[in-house]
Structures are given as C-alpha cells and as structure tokens.
Amino acid sequence: MVKLVTETYAQTSKNLPIKTSEIDPTFKYELVKLAGSEKILRCFQCGTCTSDCPISRYSDSYRPRTLIHLSMLGLKERLLNSDTIWLCATCYTCTDRCPQGIEVASVIRVFRNLAVENGHIPQVFKDNIHAILESGYAYKIPELRIKKRDTQGLPPLPKCNTENIRKILKNIKIIEKTQNMTGATTDDIQ
C-alpha cells in the first residue's frame, strides 16, 4: 500500500511545474498560528528529518523536508491534496533529531488536519471510520474469522456499544467530513 500511494504521488506531483496560481504566500504564516507548527519558519532545509526518517527509507516520495518545503513555498493545495502526508508513522525521530527544534511530526499532523478540513481523506481512513462507527472495530471482521473462532472454541468477540462510540465521536472533524463525503449527514451520528 505504501509503495502504491508513494508511486502515485511521485508520478502526479513531483514532476509537475509550479504555476504562480498555485502559490499562496500567506500559507506559511497561517501555519505559524496553528498548534504544532509554530516553529516551522525555523526550518533551513538541512534534511536531517528526511535522512533519519524510517518511512523515507522505504518510500520514494515521502520526504518530510519536501513537505515542509512545499509549505514554505506556499503550495498549499499541492501539499494538502497529497496522500504522502498520510504516510508519517509519527515515531518522532525527525522531531528528536531536528537541529532547529521543529516538531516535524507535529507539523505533519497539522498538514493532515488541514487536509481533512479541505475534504481530502484517503479511502483507507474513510473505511476505518466507517467500520468504527458501524461495529466499534477498526476494520470489518470477516464472517469467516468469526466462524473460525467459534469452531476453535474461542469466545465470541465482544459487542461494542456503537451508540456510545457515535456520541463520543460526534464533533470530530474527520468524522463529520467522512460522513458528509459518503452522503450521510452528521445527524446520523447520534
């Protein structure tokens, strides 16, 4: 999956020329006002975040340095519409090693939050959210797995109180956006 997402991003975004109409010169100043990305202007593009990142070792396109560079250039739409921002494992290696004290993993989280606000959520997360709201589990448990548990004498999986889950998650933006994208309304979440 990681390879598929990164190859798609590399093909669609990396080689495209930058158009002046894409540039939002105020974007970096908006980021400074958001919790987690206050220090982003300190980045001098040394590349430590990328060279130490375990995900970038296995991905041709995931480069924290490049993501921050896109934000500094004001390429807001290109950055927020990229599936690459969702590859961060949030291991904080980049944050621990940044010589400027930038919380790079937190900056990536800010990018993700902005992407959600703009309606860009990868399908895998939409599927997870739907499964959690429907069953309480992060993914749909296949019927074959349930039958196998029964044949092996294992107890049934615990039933989740999905009504309580829906109440707890009611005001979370990603839930609202996902519900709106699937045609459901936020009223469906009680």
Protein backbone atom coordinates (compact mmCIF):
# COMPACT_ATOMS: atom_id res chain seq x y z
CA MET A 1 0.00 0.00 0.00
CA VAL A 2 2.77 2.44 0.94
CA LYS A 3 4.50 1.79 -2.37
CA LEU A 4 1.28 2.30 -4.35
CA VAL A 5 0.50 5.62 -2.66
CA THR A 6 4.05 6.90 -2.97
CA GLU A 7 4.36 5.89 -6.63
CA THR A 8 1.08 7.62 -7.42
CA TYR A 9 2.21 10.80 -5.67
CA ALA A 10 5.63 10.71 -7.34
CA GLN A 11 4.03 10.41 -10.76
CA THR A 12 1.39 13.08 -10.27
CA SER A 13 3.06 15.81 -8.29
CA LYS A 14 6.83 15.59 -8.28
CA ASN A 15 7.43 16.37 -11.92
CA LEU A 16 4.74 18.99 -12.37
CA PRO A 17 5.96 22.53 -12.87
CA ILE A 18 4.92 25.07 -10.27
CA LYS A 19 2.40 27.61 -11.52
CA THR A 20 2.18 31.01 -9.90
CA SER A 21 -1.56 30.49 -9.48
CA GLU A 22 -0.77 27.61 -7.07
CA ILE A 23 1.29 29.75 -4.72
CA ASP A 24 -0.26 31.08 -1.53
CA PRO A 25 2.40 33.33 0.02
CA THR A 26 0.45 33.62 3.28
CA PHE A 27 0.24 29.86 3.92
CA LYS A 28 3.43 29.64 5.98
CA TYR A 29 2.20 32.45 8.21
CA GLU A 30 -1.11 30.63 8.71
CA LEU A 31 0.87 27.56 9.80
CA VAL A 32 2.79 29.53 12.44
CA LYS A 33 -0.52 30.31 14.15
CA LEU A 34 -1.51 26.63 14.45
CA ALA A 35 -0.55 24.49 17.44
CA GLY A 36 2.21 22.10 16.43
CA SER A 37 3.67 24.13 13.59
CA GLU A 38 4.64 27.33 15.41
CA LYS A 39 8.36 26.85 14.71
CA ILE A 40 8.08 25.90 11.04
CA LEU A 41 9.77 29.10 9.86
CA ARG A 42 12.97 27.99 11.63
CA CYS A 43 13.47 25.19 9.08
CA PHE A 44 16.57 25.78 6.97
CA GLN A 45 16.10 22.61 4.89
CA CYS A 46 19.08 20.68 6.28
CA GLY A 47 17.38 17.33 5.55
CA THR A 48 18.00 15.72 8.94
CA CYS A 49 14.30 14.90 9.27
CA THR A 50 14.34 13.01 5.99
CA SER A 51 17.67 11.27 6.43
CA ASP A 52 16.61 9.84 9.80
CA CYS A 53 13.01 9.02 8.86
CA PRO A 54 12.29 5.27 8.80
CA ILE A 55 9.42 5.74 6.32
CA SER A 56 11.56 7.66 3.81
CA ARG A 57 13.96 4.70 3.72
CA TYR A 58 11.20 2.62 2.13
CA SER A 59 9.40 5.28 0.13
CA ASP A 60 10.50 7.08 -2.99
CA SER A 61 8.29 10.08 -2.33
CA TYR A 62 7.85 10.52 1.43
CA ARG A 63 10.28 13.24 2.46
CA PRO A 64 9.39 15.40 5.48
CA ARG A 65 11.83 18.02 4.24
CA THR A 66 9.99 18.23 0.91
CA LEU A 67 6.62 18.55 2.62
CA ILE A 68 7.88 21.44 4.74
CA HIS A 69 9.47 22.98 1.65
CA LEU A 70 6.12 22.82 -0.19
CA SER A 71 4.50 24.66 2.72
CA MET A 72 7.21 27.33 2.73
CA LEU A 73 6.72 27.85 -1.00
CA GLY A 74 3.01 28.31 -0.39
CA LEU A 75 1.96 25.26 -2.40
CA LYS A 76 -0.95 24.67 -0.07
CA GLU A 77 -3.26 22.75 -2.41
CA ARG A 78 -0.50 20.52 -3.73
CA LEU A 79 0.57 19.71 -0.17
CA LEU A 80 -2.87 19.16 1.34
CA ASN A 81 -4.16 17.09 -1.59
CA SER A 82 -1.17 14.78 -1.38
CA ASP A 83 -1.64 11.28 0.01
CA THR A 84 2.01 11.41 1.03
CA ILE A 85 1.30 13.39 4.21
CA TRP A 86 -0.59 10.35 5.50
CA LEU A 87 2.49 8.11 5.40
CA CYS A 88 4.10 9.57 8.53
CA ALA A 89 4.34 6.93 11.27
CA THR A 90 4.51 9.60 13.99
CA CYS A 91 7.61 7.99 15.51
CA TYR A 92 9.07 11.46 16.31
CA THR A 93 12.55 10.53 15.08
CA CYS A 94 12.51 13.69 12.95
CA THR A 95 11.49 15.80 15.94
CA ASP A 96 14.16 14.27 18.17
CA ARG A 97 16.91 14.96 15.66
CA CYS A 98 15.92 18.37 14.25
CA PRO A 99 18.75 20.84 14.98
CA GLN A 100 16.26 23.72 14.94
CA GLY A 101 13.86 22.16 17.45
CA ILE A 102 11.00 21.91 14.98
CA GLU A 103 8.40 19.35 15.91
CA VAL A 104 8.30 17.90 12.40
CA ALA A 105 5.86 15.10 13.24
CA SER A 106 3.51 17.69 14.74
CA VAL A 107 3.82 19.80 11.59
CA ILE A 108 2.82 16.76 9.53
CA ARG A 109 -0.16 16.30 11.86
CA VAL A 110 -1.15 19.91 11.19
CA PHE A 111 -0.94 19.21 7.44
CA ARG A 112 -3.24 16.21 7.92
CA ASN A 113 -5.74 18.23 9.94
CA LEU A 114 -5.82 20.92 7.26
CA ALA A 115 -6.25 18.26 4.58
CA VAL A 116 -9.26 16.89 6.47
CA GLU A 117 -10.74 20.38 6.76
CA ASN A 118 -10.34 20.67 2.98
CA GLY A 119 -12.07 17.33 2.46
CA HIS A 120 -9.04 15.25 1.46
CA ILE A 121 -9.11 11.97 3.36
CA PRO A 122 -7.59 8.80 1.88
CA GLN A 123 -10.06 5.96 1.34
CA VAL A 124 -8.37 3.68 3.87
CA PHE A 125 -9.16 6.15 6.67
CA LYS A 126 -12.74 6.56 5.46
CA ASP A 127 -13.10 2.79 5.61
CA ASN A 128 -11.64 2.68 9.15
CA ILE A 129 -14.00 5.40 10.33
CA HIS A 130 -17.00 3.65 8.80
CA ALA A 131 -16.01 0.35 10.44
CA ILE A 132 -15.57 2.01 13.85
CA LEU A 133 -18.96 3.69 13.64
CA GLU A 134 -20.68 0.52 12.47
CA SER A 135 -19.03 -2.12 14.65
CA GLY A 136 -16.65 -0.48 17.11
CA TYR A 137 -13.70 -2.24 15.46
CA ALA A 138 -11.09 -0.52 13.27
CA TYR A 139 -11.94 -2.82 10.38
CA LYS A 140 -14.78 -5.11 9.42
CA ILE A 141 -14.24 -8.55 10.93
CA PRO A 142 -14.80 -11.13 8.16
CA GLU A 143 -17.57 -13.66 8.77
CA LEU A 144 -15.06 -16.47 8.15
CA ARG A 145 -12.94 -15.22 11.08
CA ILE A 146 -15.99 -15.21 13.36
CA LYS A 147 -16.88 -18.78 12.32
CA LYS A 148 -13.29 -19.91 12.82
CA ARG A 149 -13.29 -18.54 16.37
CA ASP A 150 -16.45 -20.48 17.05
CA THR A 151 -15.06 -23.76 15.64
CA GLN A 152 -11.92 -23.38 17.74
CA GLY A 153 -13.92 -22.88 20.91
CA LEU A 154 -12.96 -19.24 21.34
CA PRO A 155 -15.46 -16.87 22.91
CA PRO A 156 -17.36 -14.54 20.60
CA LEU A 157 -15.89 -11.11 20.02
CA PRO A 158 -17.23 -8.56 22.48
CA LYS A 159 -20.08 -6.43 21.23
CA CYS A 160 -19.34 -2.73 21.20
CA ASN A 161 -21.78 -0.04 22.15
CA THR A 162 -21.75 1.77 18.82
CA GLU A 163 -24.25 4.33 20.08
CA ASN A 164 -21.74 5.49 22.70
CA ILE A 165 -18.95 5.49 20.12
CA ARG A 166 -21.06 7.70 17.85
CA LYS A 167 -21.79 10.08 20.73
CA ILE A 168 -18.11 10.32 21.64
CA LEU A 169 -17.03 10.93 18.05
CA LYS A 170 -19.87 13.28 17.13
CA ASN A 171 -17.87 16.52 16.94
CA ILE A 172 -14.62 15.22 15.50
CA LYS A 173 -13.96 16.94 12.16
CA ILE A 174 -12.69 13.89 10.30
CA ILE A 175 -15.87 12.02 11.24
CA GLU A 176 -18.04 14.90 10.06
CA LYS A 177 -16.11 15.21 6.79
CA THR A 178 -16.26 11.48 6.14
CA GLN A 179 -19.99 11.36 6.83
CA ASN A 180 -20.56 14.33 4.51
CA MET A 181 -18.48 12.72 1.75
CA THR A 182 -20.44 9.47 1.86
CA GLY A 183 -23.73 11.28 1.57
CA ALA A 184 -24.72 10.70 5.18
CA THR A 185 -25.41 13.62 7.44
CA THR A 186 -23.81 14.36 10.76
CA ASP A 187 -27.29 13.79 12.23
CA ASP A 188 -26.73 10.09 11.50
CA ILE A 189 -24.17 10.20 14.31
CA GLN A 190 -26.16 10.42 17.48
